[in-house]
Amino acid sequence: MSEQDTFWIKLGQRGFGLLLLVIGVVMLYFTLTSLTELAAFSGFFGFLSVIVLVLGIVLLIAKPPE
């Protein structure tokens, strides 16, 4: 892979990780602020929010192959 290809892969990975991180935080915020409306599904949506948040963090931390 050329140097330019590696740059774009890193940029895409970081950008997608940041996007997932923001979406996970927003999902978690809305889940925690509307626990009464969600009732029995609050645990499910909280779990999904944490999964998206963790995926975003992993993408930000991970190094792409060189």
Protein backbone atom coordinates (compact mmCIF):
# COMPACT_ATOMS: atom_id res chain seq x y z
CA MET A 1 0.00 0.00 0.00
CA SER A 2 1.29 3.45 -0.78
CA GLU A 3 1.73 6.20 1.79
CA GLN A 4 -1.28 8.09 0.42
CA ASP A 5 -3.56 5.05 0.70
CA THR A 6 -2.51 4.51 4.30
CA PHE A 7 -3.28 8.14 5.10
CA TRP A 8 -6.82 7.88 3.77
CA ILE A 9 -7.46 4.60 5.57
CA LYS A 10 -6.31 6.12 8.87
CA LEU A 11 -8.40 9.23 8.27
CA GLY A 12 -11.48 7.19 7.41
CA GLN A 13 -11.06 4.94 10.43
CA ARG A 14 -10.64 7.88 12.80
CA GLY A 15 -13.56 9.73 11.25
CA PHE A 16 -15.87 6.72 11.47
CA GLY A 17 -14.73 6.06 15.04
CA LEU A 18 -15.46 9.65 16.02
CA LEU A 19 -18.88 9.44 14.36
CA LEU A 20 -19.70 6.23 16.25
CA LEU A 21 -18.48 7.78 19.48
CA VAL A 22 -20.77 10.79 19.09
CA ILE A 23 -23.75 8.63 18.10
CA GLY A 24 -23.15 6.34 21.09
CA VAL A 25 -22.99 9.26 23.53
CA VAL A 26 -26.18 10.79 22.12
CA MET A 27 -27.98 7.43 22.23
CA LEU A 28 -26.86 6.87 25.82
CA TYR A 29 -27.94 10.39 26.82
CA PHE A 30 -31.43 9.97 25.36
CA THR A 31 -31.76 6.50 26.86
CA LEU A 32 -30.84 7.71 30.34
CA THR A 33 -33.05 10.81 30.17
CA SER A 34 -36.15 8.90 29.07
CA LEU A 35 -36.11 5.84 31.31
CA THR A 36 -39.79 6.16 32.22
CA GLU A 37 -40.95 6.30 28.59
CA LEU A 38 -38.82 3.34 27.56
CA ALA A 39 -39.83 1.28 30.61
CA ALA A 40 -38.86 -2.34 29.94
CA PHE A 41 -36.69 -1.51 26.92
CA SER A 42 -34.34 0.89 28.71
CA GLY A 43 -31.81 -1.87 29.42
CA PHE A 44 -31.85 -2.99 25.80
CA PHE A 45 -31.30 0.50 24.41
CA GLY A 46 -28.68 1.22 27.06
CA PHE A 47 -26.81 -1.93 26.04
CA LEU A 48 -26.95 -0.96 22.35
CA SER A 49 -25.69 2.52 23.20
CA VAL A 50 -22.73 1.16 25.11
CA ILE A 51 -21.87 -1.22 22.24
CA VAL A 52 -21.82 1.66 19.73
CA LEU A 53 -19.78 3.77 22.15
CA VAL A 54 -17.20 1.00 22.67
CA LEU A 55 -16.92 0.40 18.91
CA GLY A 56 -16.18 4.09 18.40
CA ILE A 57 -13.49 4.04 21.09
CA VAL A 58 -11.90 0.90 19.61
CA LEU A 59 -11.79 2.47 16.15
CA LEU A 60 -10.12 5.59 17.57
CA ILE A 61 -7.51 3.59 19.46
CA ALA A 62 -6.76 0.83 16.92
CA LYS A 63 -3.95 1.24 14.41
CA PRO A 64 -4.67 0.23 10.83
CA PRO A 65 -2.32 -2.24 9.14
CA GLU A 66 0.67 -0.67 7.42
